[in-house]
N, C-alpha and C. Protein backbone atom coordinates (compact mmCIF):
# COMPACT_ATOMS: atom_id res chain seq x y z
N MET A 1 -16.08 90.84 59.73
CA MET A 1 -17.15 92.11 59.34
C MET A 1 -18.15 91.68 58.46
N LEU A 2 -19.51 92.02 58.56
CA LEU A 2 -20.86 91.42 58.08
C LEU A 2 -20.75 92.37 56.76
N ALA A 3 -21.00 91.28 55.84
CA ALA A 3 -20.87 91.55 54.24
C ALA A 3 -22.41 91.68 53.70
N PRO A 4 -22.64 92.55 52.83
CA PRO A 4 -23.94 92.60 52.58
C PRO A 4 -24.03 91.63 51.32
N ASN A 5 -25.58 91.29 51.22
CA ASN A 5 -26.16 90.35 50.58
C ASN A 5 -26.13 90.93 49.15
N ALA A 6 -26.74 89.67 48.24
CA ALA A 6 -27.10 90.13 46.77
C ALA A 6 -27.99 91.32 46.70
N HIS A 7 -28.52 91.62 47.33
CA HIS A 7 -29.66 92.65 47.51
C HIS A 7 -28.85 93.97 48.24
N ARG A 8 -27.51 94.22 48.35
CA ARG A 8 -27.09 94.85 49.29
C ARG A 8 -27.39 95.29 50.69
N LEU A 9 -28.20 94.16 51.31
CA LEU A 9 -28.79 94.55 52.62
C LEU A 9 -27.45 93.39 53.64
N TYR A 10 -27.45 93.73 55.02
CA TYR A 10 -26.75 93.35 55.86
C TYR A 10 -27.75 92.83 56.58
N VAL A 11 -27.59 91.31 56.40
CA VAL A 11 -28.23 90.21 57.23
C VAL A 11 -27.36 89.31 58.06
N LEU A 12 -27.60 89.25 59.17
CA LEU A 12 -26.71 88.54 60.09
C LEU A 12 -27.20 87.07 60.28
N SER A 13 -26.47 86.30 59.91
CA SER A 13 -26.65 84.87 60.03
C SER A 13 -25.79 83.87 61.00
N SER A 14 -25.16 84.61 61.29
CA SER A 14 -23.96 83.84 62.10
C SER A 14 -23.97 83.97 63.72
N THR A 15 -24.36 82.92 64.21
CA THR A 15 -24.68 82.83 65.80
C THR A 15 -23.75 83.72 66.66
N ALA A 16 -22.48 83.59 66.23
CA ALA A 16 -21.60 84.22 66.79
C ALA A 16 -21.20 85.62 66.76
N HIS A 17 -21.92 86.29 65.81
CA HIS A 17 -22.31 87.69 65.19
C HIS A 17 -23.26 87.95 66.30
N TYR A 18 -24.34 87.38 66.14
CA TYR A 18 -25.54 87.63 67.00
C TYR A 18 -25.28 87.64 68.50
N GLN A 19 -24.46 86.76 68.86
CA GLN A 19 -24.16 86.59 70.37
C GLN A 19 -23.06 87.93 70.64
N GLN A 20 -22.38 88.38 69.88
CA GLN A 20 -21.63 89.90 69.88
C GLN A 20 -22.49 91.14 70.23
N GLU A 21 -23.74 90.67 69.08
CA GLU A 21 -24.38 92.21 69.09
C GLU A 21 -25.20 91.58 70.63
N ILE A 22 -25.50 90.83 71.23
CA ILE A 22 -26.34 90.86 72.62
C ILE A 22 -25.49 91.26 73.70
N ASP A 23 -23.97 90.61 73.62
CA ASP A 23 -22.92 91.24 74.43
C ASP A 23 -22.84 92.39 74.48
N GLU A 24 -23.00 93.48 73.13
CA GLU A 24 -22.60 94.90 73.26
C GLU A 24 -24.17 95.60 73.55
N ASN A 25 -25.04 95.05 73.49
CA ASN A 25 -26.28 95.67 73.92
C ASN A 25 -27.60 94.47 74.35
N PRO A 26 -27.57 93.98 75.70
CA PRO A 26 -28.76 93.13 76.04
C PRO A 26 -29.85 93.07 75.47
N ASP A 27 -30.26 94.35 74.48
CA ASP A 27 -31.67 94.62 74.22
C ASP A 27 -31.95 93.74 72.57
N ASN A 28 -30.76 93.31 72.07
CA ASN A 28 -30.52 92.47 71.13
C ASN A 28 -30.81 91.26 71.19
N GLU A 29 -31.21 90.76 72.28
CA GLU A 29 -31.58 89.28 72.44
C GLU A 29 -32.91 89.16 71.78
N LEU A 30 -33.14 87.86 71.33
CA LEU A 30 -34.35 87.59 70.79
C LEU A 30 -35.24 87.10 72.20
N VAL A 31 -35.76 86.97 72.66
CA VAL A 31 -36.69 86.67 73.71
C VAL A 31 -37.79 85.33 73.43
N GLU A 32 -37.87 84.41 73.62
CA GLU A 32 -38.82 83.28 73.82
C GLU A 32 -40.02 83.98 74.19
N LEU A 33 -41.17 84.06 73.60
CA LEU A 33 -42.42 84.78 74.06
C LEU A 33 -43.20 83.92 74.72
N VAL A 34 -43.10 82.35 74.49
CA VAL A 34 -43.85 81.37 75.07
C VAL A 34 -43.76 81.67 76.59
N THR A 35 -42.44 81.86 76.86
CA THR A 35 -42.15 81.82 78.67
C THR A 35 -42.19 83.45 79.11
N TYR A 36 -41.95 84.55 78.48
CA TYR A 36 -41.99 85.49 78.80
C TYR A 36 -43.17 86.13 78.49
N VAL A 37 -44.42 85.98 77.90
CA VAL A 37 -45.68 86.71 77.89
C VAL A 37 -46.96 85.35 78.57
N PRO A 38 -47.06 85.80 80.03
CA PRO A 38 -47.98 85.00 80.53
C PRO A 38 -49.53 84.97 79.97
N ASP A 39 -50.00 83.40 79.53
CA ASP A 39 -51.14 83.12 78.80
C ASP A 39 -50.93 83.78 77.31
N LEU A 40 -49.80 83.54 76.79
CA LEU A 40 -50.16 84.11 75.07
C LEU A 40 -50.44 82.72 74.49
N VAL A 41 -51.36 82.97 73.54
CA VAL A 41 -51.92 81.90 72.71
C VAL A 41 -50.80 81.76 71.43
N LEU A 42 -50.25 80.40 71.39
CA LEU A 42 -49.44 80.65 70.06
C LEU A 42 -50.40 79.83 69.60
N ASP A 43 -50.05 80.27 67.97
CA ASP A 43 -50.76 79.56 66.38
C ASP A 43 -50.12 79.91 65.57
N ILE A 44 -48.79 79.25 65.43
CA ILE A 44 -47.60 79.67 64.31
C ILE A 44 -48.15 78.55 63.20
N ARG A 45 -48.85 79.31 62.67
CA ARG A 45 -49.32 78.87 61.16
C ARG A 45 -48.26 78.12 60.01
N TYR A 46 -47.04 79.12 60.41
CA TYR A 46 -46.00 78.67 59.27
C TYR A 46 -45.27 77.36 59.47
N ALA A 47 -45.53 76.92 60.79
CA ALA A 47 -44.68 75.49 61.35
C ALA A 47 -45.56 74.36 60.87
N THR A 48 -46.84 74.74 60.34
CA THR A 48 -47.69 73.81 59.77
C THR A 48 -48.04 73.92 57.95
N ALA A 49 -48.91 73.36 57.55
CA ALA A 49 -49.52 73.52 56.04
C ALA A 49 -50.55 74.39 56.09
N ASN A 50 -51.10 74.91 57.57
CA ASN A 50 -52.15 75.76 57.47
C ASN A 50 -52.21 77.16 57.44
N ASN A 51 -51.45 77.73 55.68
CA ASN A 51 -51.00 78.98 55.93
C ASN A 51 -51.34 79.22 54.76
N VAL A 52 -51.03 80.71 53.91
CA VAL A 52 -51.32 80.77 52.63
C VAL A 52 -50.18 80.12 51.77
N LEU A 53 -49.13 79.67 52.25
CA LEU A 53 -48.47 78.76 50.99
C LEU A 53 -48.54 77.11 51.15
N ALA A 54 -49.56 76.90 52.13
CA ALA A 54 -49.80 75.44 51.95
C ALA A 54 -48.66 74.80 52.41
N GLU A 55 -47.42 74.98 53.05
CA GLU A 55 -46.73 74.40 53.41
C GLU A 55 -45.76 74.84 54.95
N ALA A 56 -45.29 73.76 55.29
CA ALA A 56 -44.58 74.42 56.54
C ALA A 56 -43.26 75.28 56.15
N ILE A 57 -42.93 76.43 56.95
CA ILE A 57 -41.68 77.31 56.77
C ILE A 57 -41.06 77.05 57.69
N TYR A 58 -41.38 77.05 59.02
CA TYR A 58 -40.51 77.00 60.18
C TYR A 58 -40.56 75.39 60.68
N ASP A 59 -39.16 75.28 60.88
CA ASP A 59 -39.23 73.79 61.71
C ASP A 59 -39.78 73.43 63.04
N ARG A 60 -40.22 74.31 63.85
CA ARG A 60 -40.86 74.15 64.65
C ARG A 60 -42.06 75.48 65.45
N PRO A 61 -42.86 75.01 65.87
CA PRO A 61 -43.66 76.38 66.38
C PRO A 61 -43.28 77.29 67.50
N ALA A 62 -42.53 78.09 66.59
CA ALA A 62 -41.42 79.27 68.09
C ALA A 62 -41.91 80.22 67.68
N ALA A 63 -41.81 81.57 68.90
CA ALA A 63 -41.86 82.85 68.52
C ALA A 63 -40.95 83.79 69.39
N TYR A 64 -40.08 84.68 68.90
CA TYR A 64 -38.99 85.49 69.37
C TYR A 64 -39.37 86.88 69.07
N LEU A 65 -39.10 87.55 69.82
CA LEU A 65 -39.06 89.15 69.55
C LEU A 65 -37.80 89.68 70.59
N ARG A 66 -37.37 90.60 69.86
CA ARG A 66 -36.04 92.08 70.81
C ARG A 66 -36.63 91.99 72.08
N ARG A 67 -35.72 92.06 72.97
CA ARG A 67 -36.10 92.09 74.52
C ARG A 67 -37.30 93.11 74.72
N PRO A 68 -36.66 94.33 74.09
CA PRO A 68 -37.68 95.68 74.61
C PRO A 68 -39.06 94.96 73.68
N VAL A 69 -38.95 94.69 72.40
CA VAL A 69 -40.22 94.43 72.16
C VAL A 69 -40.90 93.24 72.79
N ALA A 70 -40.71 92.46 73.19
CA ALA A 70 -41.20 91.65 73.89
C ALA A 70 -41.87 91.92 75.17
N ALA A 71 -40.61 93.19 75.73
CA ALA A 71 -41.32 93.82 77.20
C ALA A 71 -43.01 94.39 76.75
N ALA A 72 -42.66 94.79 75.66
CA ALA A 72 -44.32 96.17 75.05
C ALA A 72 -45.30 94.88 75.01
N LEU A 73 -44.96 93.54 74.17
CA LEU A 73 -45.93 92.93 74.09
C LEU A 73 -46.43 92.17 74.96
N ARG A 74 -45.64 91.79 76.42
CA ARG A 74 -46.07 91.54 77.42
C ARG A 74 -46.97 92.41 77.92
N GLU A 75 -46.76 94.07 77.85
CA GLU A 75 -47.54 95.39 78.57
C GLU A 75 -48.87 95.23 77.74
N VAL A 76 -49.08 95.08 76.62
CA VAL A 76 -50.24 94.75 75.89
C VAL A 76 -50.98 93.84 76.59
N GLN A 77 -50.40 92.36 76.69
CA GLN A 77 -51.25 91.23 77.24
C GLN A 77 -51.54 91.73 78.72
N GLU A 78 -51.22 92.51 79.70
CA GLU A 78 -51.22 93.02 80.57
C GLU A 78 -52.72 93.74 80.72
N GLU A 79 -52.65 94.69 79.56
CA GLU A 79 -53.69 95.83 79.34
C GLU A 79 -54.94 94.88 79.06
N LEU A 80 -54.97 93.92 78.17
CA LEU A 80 -56.13 93.16 77.49
C LEU A 80 -56.49 92.19 78.78
N ARG A 81 -55.62 91.47 79.46
CA ARG A 81 -56.31 90.63 80.70
C ARG A 81 -57.28 91.62 81.49
N LYS A 82 -57.18 92.81 82.00
CA LYS A 82 -58.38 93.56 82.57
C LYS A 82 -59.79 93.41 81.74
N LEU A 83 -59.71 93.07 80.46
CA LEU A 83 -60.75 92.78 79.97
C LEU A 83 -61.37 91.40 79.96
N GLY A 84 -60.70 90.62 80.47
CA GLY A 84 -60.73 89.18 80.33
C GLY A 84 -60.34 88.82 78.79
N ILE A 85 -59.55 89.23 77.87
CA ILE A 85 -58.97 88.71 76.48
C ILE A 85 -57.86 88.70 76.81
N GLY A 86 -57.16 88.06 75.83
CA GLY A 86 -55.46 88.26 75.31
C GLY A 86 -55.16 88.08 74.24
N LEU A 87 -54.05 87.69 73.83
CA LEU A 87 -53.22 87.57 72.42
C LEU A 87 -53.10 86.27 72.13
N GLN A 88 -53.46 86.33 70.69
CA GLN A 88 -53.07 85.11 70.05
C GLN A 88 -52.51 85.14 68.87
N LEU A 89 -50.99 84.67 68.99
CA LEU A 89 -49.84 85.09 67.93
C LEU A 89 -49.50 84.17 67.10
N PHE A 90 -49.85 84.51 65.78
CA PHE A 90 -49.20 83.75 64.57
C PHE A 90 -48.00 83.68 64.05
N ASP A 91 -47.28 84.94 64.10
CA ASP A 91 -45.89 84.87 63.93
C ASP A 91 -45.31 86.11 64.66
N ALA A 92 -43.93 85.96 64.88
CA ALA A 92 -43.14 87.30 65.41
C ALA A 92 -41.87 86.82 64.65
N TYR A 93 -40.95 87.15 65.07
CA TYR A 93 -39.30 86.91 64.44
C TYR A 93 -39.60 85.80 63.35
N ARG A 94 -39.07 86.21 62.15
CA ARG A 94 -38.91 85.40 60.86
C ARG A 94 -37.54 85.31 60.46
N PRO A 95 -37.08 84.44 60.02
CA PRO A 95 -35.76 84.59 59.68
C PRO A 95 -35.91 85.02 58.11
N TYR A 96 -35.08 85.68 57.41
CA TYR A 96 -34.70 86.52 56.28
C TYR A 96 -35.25 85.30 55.39
N SER A 97 -34.66 84.36 55.16
CA SER A 97 -34.71 83.27 54.07
C SER A 97 -36.22 82.83 54.04
N ALA A 98 -36.88 82.80 55.41
CA ALA A 98 -38.36 82.81 55.14
C ALA A 98 -39.11 83.88 54.28
N THR A 99 -38.84 85.09 54.64
CA THR A 99 -39.34 86.01 53.94
C THR A 99 -39.11 86.21 52.49
N VAL A 100 -37.69 86.15 52.01
CA VAL A 100 -37.03 85.62 50.51
C VAL A 100 -38.46 84.31 50.04
N ARG A 101 -38.65 83.37 50.83
CA ARG A 101 -39.32 82.33 49.92
C ARG A 101 -40.87 82.63 50.01
N PHE A 102 -41.19 83.93 50.96
CA PHE A 102 -43.04 84.00 50.89
C PHE A 102 -43.06 84.87 49.49
N TYR A 103 -41.77 85.89 49.30
CA TYR A 103 -41.75 86.82 48.41
C TYR A 103 -42.00 85.87 46.62
N GLU A 104 -41.34 84.89 46.75
CA GLU A 104 -41.01 84.03 46.05
C GLU A 104 -42.46 83.52 45.08
N LYS A 105 -43.35 83.25 46.24
CA LYS A 105 -44.26 82.48 46.15
C LYS A 105 -45.67 83.64 45.88
N ILE A 106 -45.22 84.61 46.44
CA ILE A 106 -46.47 85.48 46.34
C ILE A 106 -46.34 86.24 45.48
N GLY A 107 -45.39 87.35 45.32
CA GLY A 107 -44.57 88.33 44.72
C GLY A 107 -45.60 89.56 44.65
N ASP A 108 -46.33 90.16 46.13
CA ASP A 108 -47.39 91.13 45.99
C ASP A 108 -46.54 92.01 47.10
N GLU A 109 -45.90 92.98 46.76
CA GLU A 109 -45.54 93.75 48.00
C GLU A 109 -46.50 94.40 48.90
N THR A 110 -47.59 94.23 48.70
CA THR A 110 -48.83 94.73 49.51
C THR A 110 -48.85 93.40 50.92
N TYR A 111 -48.50 91.89 50.16
CA TYR A 111 -48.66 91.09 51.35
C TYR A 111 -47.55 90.29 51.50
N ALA A 112 -46.23 90.67 50.70
CA ALA A 112 -45.11 90.26 51.29
C ALA A 112 -43.90 91.08 50.97
N ALA A 113 -43.29 91.05 51.74
CA ALA A 113 -41.74 92.19 51.79
C ALA A 113 -40.67 91.55 51.12
N PRO A 114 -40.43 92.49 50.26
CA PRO A 114 -39.06 91.95 49.13
C PRO A 114 -38.20 91.78 49.39
N PRO A 115 -36.91 90.78 49.06
CA PRO A 115 -36.01 90.50 49.71
C PRO A 115 -34.81 91.54 49.41
N TRP A 116 -35.29 92.70 48.66
CA TRP A 116 -34.39 93.78 48.92
C TRP A 116 -34.91 94.70 49.65
N ARG A 117 -35.53 94.54 50.46
CA ARG A 117 -35.80 95.49 51.52
C ARG A 117 -35.87 94.65 52.82
N GLY A 118 -36.20 93.24 52.92
CA GLY A 118 -36.37 92.55 54.24
C GLY A 118 -37.71 93.13 54.85
N SER A 119 -38.21 92.19 55.72
CA SER A 119 -38.93 92.42 56.98
C SER A 119 -38.98 92.67 58.27
N ARG A 120 -39.66 93.82 58.59
CA ARG A 120 -39.49 94.09 60.15
C ARG A 120 -39.70 92.87 60.80
N HIS A 121 -40.60 91.68 60.45
CA HIS A 121 -40.21 90.70 61.11
C HIS A 121 -39.10 90.05 61.28
N ASN A 122 -38.03 90.33 60.21
CA ASN A 122 -36.82 89.72 60.19
C ASN A 122 -35.84 90.56 61.42
N ARG A 123 -36.21 91.70 61.61
CA ARG A 123 -35.72 92.26 62.75
C ARG A 123 -35.93 91.62 64.57
N GLY A 124 -37.08 91.08 64.14
CA GLY A 124 -37.31 90.65 65.56
C GLY A 124 -38.35 91.85 65.69
N CYS A 125 -39.17 92.67 65.22
CA CYS A 125 -39.95 93.62 65.85
C CYS A 125 -41.18 93.62 65.49
N SER A 126 -41.77 92.74 64.75
CA SER A 126 -43.29 92.63 64.15
C SER A 126 -43.95 91.47 64.91
N VAL A 127 -44.99 91.89 65.11
CA VAL A 127 -46.12 90.75 65.21
C VAL A 127 -47.21 90.76 64.45
N ASP A 128 -47.81 89.35 64.71
CA ASP A 128 -49.09 89.48 63.78
C ASP A 128 -50.09 88.68 64.92
N VAL A 129 -51.08 89.47 65.43
CA VAL A 129 -51.87 88.60 66.39
C VAL A 129 -53.21 89.16 66.18
N ALA A 130 -54.36 88.22 66.72
CA ALA A 130 -55.45 88.53 66.92
C ALA A 130 -55.64 88.38 68.95
N LEU A 131 -56.93 88.00 68.55
CA LEU A 131 -57.57 88.17 70.29
C LEU A 131 -58.22 86.88 70.79
N VAL A 132 -58.33 86.69 72.30
CA VAL A 132 -58.59 85.35 72.56
C VAL A 132 -59.72 85.73 73.78
N GLU A 133 -60.59 84.83 74.01
CA GLU A 133 -61.17 84.78 75.60
C GLU A 133 -60.18 84.27 76.40
N LEU A 134 -59.73 84.64 77.58
CA LEU A 134 -58.74 83.98 78.29
C LEU A 134 -59.38 82.79 78.84
N ALA A 135 -60.56 83.27 79.55
CA ALA A 135 -61.57 81.87 80.05
C ALA A 135 -61.77 80.78 79.43
N THR A 136 -61.73 80.76 78.09
CA THR A 136 -62.11 79.80 77.35
C THR A 136 -61.12 79.60 76.31
N GLY A 137 -60.23 80.58 76.03
CA GLY A 137 -59.57 80.25 74.86
C GLY A 137 -60.18 80.55 73.28
N ARG A 138 -61.31 80.91 73.33
CA ARG A 138 -62.06 81.18 72.07
C ARG A 138 -61.37 82.38 71.24
N THR A 139 -60.98 82.03 69.85
CA THR A 139 -60.68 83.19 69.15
C THR A 139 -62.10 84.09 69.07
N LEU A 140 -61.86 85.59 69.40
CA LEU A 140 -62.87 86.53 69.24
C LEU A 140 -63.09 86.72 67.31
N PRO A 141 -64.05 86.97 67.23
CA PRO A 141 -64.24 87.35 65.80
C PRO A 141 -63.72 88.61 65.21
N MET A 142 -62.56 88.86 64.10
CA MET A 142 -62.04 89.60 63.32
C MET A 142 -62.41 89.75 62.31
N PRO A 143 -62.07 90.34 61.26
CA PRO A 143 -62.50 91.09 59.97
C PRO A 143 -62.26 89.66 58.72
N THR A 144 -61.11 88.85 59.17
CA THR A 144 -60.97 87.97 57.95
C THR A 144 -59.79 86.79 58.65
N ASP A 145 -59.77 85.79 58.08
CA ASP A 145 -58.70 84.91 59.40
C ASP A 145 -57.24 85.62 58.94
N PHE A 146 -56.39 85.12 59.49
CA PHE A 146 -55.02 85.32 59.33
C PHE A 146 -54.21 84.99 58.02
N ASP A 147 -53.49 86.15 57.67
CA ASP A 147 -52.96 85.83 56.00
C ASP A 147 -54.37 85.85 54.95
N ASP A 148 -55.25 86.61 55.23
CA ASP A 148 -56.15 86.72 54.05
C ASP A 148 -55.93 87.89 53.09
N LEU A 149 -55.33 87.54 51.69
CA LEU A 149 -54.90 88.36 50.91
C LEU A 149 -55.88 89.20 50.07
N THR A 150 -56.90 89.31 50.76
CA THR A 150 -57.74 90.33 50.10
C THR A 150 -58.20 91.94 50.66
N PRO A 151 -58.63 92.40 49.91
CA PRO A 151 -59.06 93.87 50.55
C PRO A 151 -59.71 94.00 52.14
N ALA A 152 -60.47 92.65 52.31
CA ALA A 152 -61.52 92.66 53.78
C ALA A 152 -60.15 92.58 54.73
N ALA A 153 -59.10 92.32 54.49
CA ALA A 153 -57.86 92.21 55.58
C ALA A 153 -57.24 93.82 56.01
N HIS A 154 -57.77 94.70 55.18
CA HIS A 154 -57.18 96.48 55.88
C HIS A 154 -57.78 96.60 56.87
N THR A 155 -57.12 97.24 57.65
CA THR A 155 -57.45 97.87 58.89
C THR A 155 -58.59 98.93 59.03
N ILE A 156 -58.90 99.19 58.07
CA ILE A 156 -60.41 100.14 58.19
C ILE A 156 -61.26 99.33 57.09
N TYR A 157 -61.02 98.39 56.49
CA TYR A 157 -62.20 97.97 55.67
C TYR A 157 -63.60 97.63 56.64
N GLU A 158 -64.50 98.29 55.47
CA GLU A 158 -66.01 98.32 55.77
C GLU A 158 -66.77 97.66 54.86
N PRO A 159 -67.82 96.77 55.16
CA PRO A 159 -68.98 96.87 56.25
C PRO A 159 -68.35 95.64 56.70
N VAL A 160 -68.29 95.66 58.35
CA VAL A 160 -67.88 94.61 59.15
C VAL A 160 -68.98 94.82 60.37
N THR A 161 -69.46 93.45 61.06
CA THR A 161 -70.22 93.60 62.34
C THR A 161 -69.82 94.15 63.16
N GLU A 162 -70.83 94.89 64.11
CA GLU A 162 -70.43 95.80 65.29
C GLU A 162 -69.34 95.13 66.03
N GLU A 163 -69.53 93.79 66.25
CA GLU A 163 -68.48 92.76 67.19
C GLU A 163 -67.04 92.85 66.34
N VAL A 164 -67.12 92.52 65.43
CA VAL A 164 -65.80 92.69 64.80
C VAL A 164 -65.06 93.53 64.49
N ARG A 165 -66.10 94.72 64.62
CA ARG A 165 -65.45 96.23 64.44
C ARG A 165 -64.68 96.84 66.30
N ARG A 166 -65.47 96.11 67.10
CA ARG A 166 -65.40 96.66 68.11
C ARG A 166 -64.03 95.65 68.80
N ASN A 167 -63.66 94.43 68.19
CA ASN A 167 -62.81 93.57 68.38
C ASN A 167 -61.46 94.45 67.83
N ARG A 168 -61.47 94.67 66.45
CA ARG A 168 -60.54 94.86 65.73
C ARG A 168 -60.11 96.37 66.58
N ALA A 169 -60.94 97.40 66.93
CA ALA A 169 -60.20 98.52 67.67
C ALA A 169 -59.83 98.44 68.78
N THR A 170 -60.44 97.51 69.93
CA THR A 170 -59.49 96.98 70.83
C THR A 170 -58.41 96.31 70.52
N LEU A 171 -57.90 95.64 69.58
CA LEU A 171 -56.55 95.20 69.24
C LEU A 171 -55.72 96.02 69.14
N LEU A 172 -56.14 97.15 67.95
CA LEU A 172 -55.62 98.15 67.53
C LEU A 172 -55.11 99.54 68.72
N GLY A 173 -56.10 99.56 69.39
CA GLY A 173 -55.83 100.69 70.64
C GLY A 173 -54.94 100.31 71.82
N ALA A 174 -54.81 98.82 72.04
CA ALA A 174 -53.94 98.08 73.08
C ALA A 174 -52.79 97.83 72.25
N MET A 175 -52.37 98.09 71.25
CA MET A 175 -51.29 97.53 70.45
C MET A 175 -50.58 99.16 70.29
N THR A 176 -51.09 100.09 69.95
CA THR A 176 -50.99 101.27 69.86
C THR A 176 -50.33 102.12 71.20
N GLN A 177 -51.14 101.49 72.28
CA GLN A 177 -50.86 102.46 73.11
C GLN A 177 -49.18 101.89 74.01
N HIS A 178 -48.79 100.70 73.52
CA HIS A 178 -47.70 100.02 73.93
C HIS A 178 -46.73 100.16 72.87
N GLY A 179 -46.93 100.91 71.73
CA GLY A 179 -45.46 101.37 70.92
C GLY A 179 -45.53 100.65 69.85
N PHE A 180 -46.68 99.81 69.62
CA PHE A 180 -46.87 99.02 68.07
C PHE A 180 -47.39 99.99 67.18
N VAL A 181 -47.14 99.78 65.66
CA VAL A 181 -48.14 100.57 64.72
C VAL A 181 -48.32 99.67 63.80
N ASN A 182 -49.58 99.65 63.32
CA ASN A 182 -50.19 98.76 62.24
C ASN A 182 -49.99 98.93 61.30
N TYR A 183 -49.87 97.91 60.52
CA TYR A 183 -49.58 98.03 58.91
C TYR A 183 -50.73 97.83 58.27
N SER A 184 -51.26 99.05 57.74
CA SER A 184 -52.97 99.04 57.24
C SER A 184 -53.28 98.35 56.27
N GLY A 185 -52.61 97.37 55.74
CA GLY A 185 -53.03 96.37 54.93
C GLY A 185 -53.20 95.01 55.48
N GLU A 186 -53.06 94.86 56.81
CA GLU A 186 -53.29 93.58 57.42
C GLU A 186 -53.57 94.23 58.77
N TRP A 187 -55.09 93.79 59.36
CA TRP A 187 -55.41 94.45 60.80
C TRP A 187 -54.63 93.50 61.64
N TRP A 188 -53.94 92.27 61.33
CA TRP A 188 -53.21 91.33 62.55
C TRP A 188 -51.63 91.96 62.47
N HIS A 189 -51.21 92.70 61.87
CA HIS A 189 -49.87 93.04 61.39
C HIS A 189 -49.29 94.40 62.31
N PHE A 190 -48.37 94.44 62.97
CA PHE A 190 -47.93 95.38 64.04
C PHE A 190 -46.47 95.40 63.91
N ASP A 191 -45.76 96.84 63.70
CA ASP A 191 -44.59 96.71 64.20
C ASP A 191 -43.98 97.84 65.14
N HIS A 192 -43.34 97.32 65.85
CA HIS A 192 -42.66 98.03 67.13
C HIS A 192 -42.10 99.37 66.63
N GLN A 193 -42.26 100.51 67.23
CA GLN A 193 -41.57 101.84 66.85
C GLN A 193 -40.29 102.03 66.78
N GLN A 194 -39.48 100.72 67.27
CA GLN A 194 -38.14 100.88 67.93
C GLN A 194 -37.28 99.87 66.71
N TRP A 195 -38.42 99.05 65.21
CA TRP A 195 -37.82 98.61 64.89
C TRP A 195 -36.03 98.89 63.95
N ALA A 196 -36.34 100.28 63.82
CA ALA A 196 -35.02 100.59 62.69
C ALA A 196 -33.93 100.86 63.70
N ASP A 197 -33.89 100.03 64.70
CA ASP A 197 -32.84 100.07 66.15
C ASP A 197 -31.93 98.70 65.85
N PHE A 198 -32.65 98.15 65.24
CA PHE A 198 -32.19 96.01 64.73
C PHE A 198 -32.06 95.91 63.73
N THR A 199 -30.83 95.04 63.45
CA THR A 199 -30.68 94.60 62.49
C THR A 199 -31.81 93.37 62.13
N LEU A 200 -31.41 93.62 60.59
CA LEU A 200 -31.84 92.22 59.97
C LEU A 200 -31.45 90.97 60.34
N LEU A 201 -32.02 89.74 60.62
CA LEU A 201 -31.40 88.48 60.86
C LEU A 201 -32.17 87.45 60.21
N ASP A 202 -31.12 86.28 59.91
CA ASP A 202 -31.71 84.85 59.16
C ASP A 202 -30.95 84.08 59.93
N LEU A 203 -31.34 83.94 61.20
CA LEU A 203 -31.02 82.52 62.19
C LEU A 203 -32.48 81.85 62.48
N SER A 204 -32.11 80.56 62.30
CA SER A 204 -33.18 79.77 62.51
C SER A 204 -33.60 79.60 64.11
N PHE A 205 -34.55 78.79 63.99
CA PHE A 205 -35.16 78.46 65.71
C PHE A 205 -34.46 77.78 66.30
N ALA A 206 -33.61 76.59 65.47
CA ALA A 206 -32.78 75.88 65.95
C ALA A 206 -31.55 76.54 66.91
N GLN A 207 -31.38 77.39 65.95
CA GLN A 207 -29.86 78.40 66.55
C GLN A 207 -30.32 79.00 67.47
N LEU A 208 -31.34 79.84 67.64
CA LEU A 208 -31.68 80.53 68.75
C LEU A 208 -31.72 79.65 70.15
N ALA A 209 -32.83 78.76 69.56
CA ALA A 209 -32.70 77.74 70.73
C ALA A 209 -31.35 76.99 71.71
N ALA A 210 -30.44 77.18 70.55
CA ALA A 210 -28.90 76.68 70.66
C ALA A 210 -28.30 77.72 71.45
N CYS A 211 -28.43 79.12 71.29
CA CYS A 211 -27.85 80.01 71.78
C CYS A 211 -28.58 80.31 72.98
N GLN A 212 -29.59 79.99 73.37
CA GLN A 212 -30.51 80.10 74.51
C GLN A 212 -29.65 79.24 75.68
N SER A 213 -29.35 78.00 74.95
CA SER A 213 -28.80 76.86 76.10
C SER A 213 -27.18 77.02 76.20
N GLY A 214 -26.97 78.02 75.19
CA GLY A 214 -25.12 78.32 75.61
C GLY A 214 -24.22 77.52 74.52
N ARG A 215 -25.04 77.29 73.26
CA ARG A 215 -24.41 76.40 72.47
C ARG A 215 -24.51 76.99 71.41
N LEU A 216 -23.48 77.56 70.62
CA LEU A 216 -23.38 78.07 69.40
C LEU A 216 -23.38 77.09 68.20
N GLU A 217 -24.23 77.33 67.01
CA GLU A 217 -24.17 76.63 66.09
C GLU A 217 -23.67 76.71 64.86
């Protein structure tokens, strides 16, 4: 039986328990997005030092979401494709231990989920995204860079240019249409409306890759 951690949260960290959850309900599976969402552009900053902490948090540039959330993101990509644009993804599923590390460094609940609550990223139900032009791969102008810890990152921040306002509205509209809810403090952050259906996880990308190949670590 899963026991609560020091913050009285139930955080699944065993691949055996994770596989059991999948056996009970296939929707619990974390789907690797690079193969599931056509033309998705990955820019996993936390696998590099190019992020708000200036250090690598992940051991590899990977992105996963729970199966129904991944399906919704694929629908967003298909919708945007009609406009000749697509998604650039900075982060998706995030292990709970990484969330703890972020909060220890940042210490501000506006920009980092506290360990006593955990993040919806830890449930495999959140994404951090921007827009790219599919034909060229060019990142479209947005209000700020990813992980900007200033009021300019807020979704309704003004003033911005007309182009930025249009791009921000396009991203918000497409994500909202397919079941995602924006966090108003970050224009790039969206939670899927089913997030409460899933448990907090602390599985590494290496563990998830092993599960996908049929080997439990």
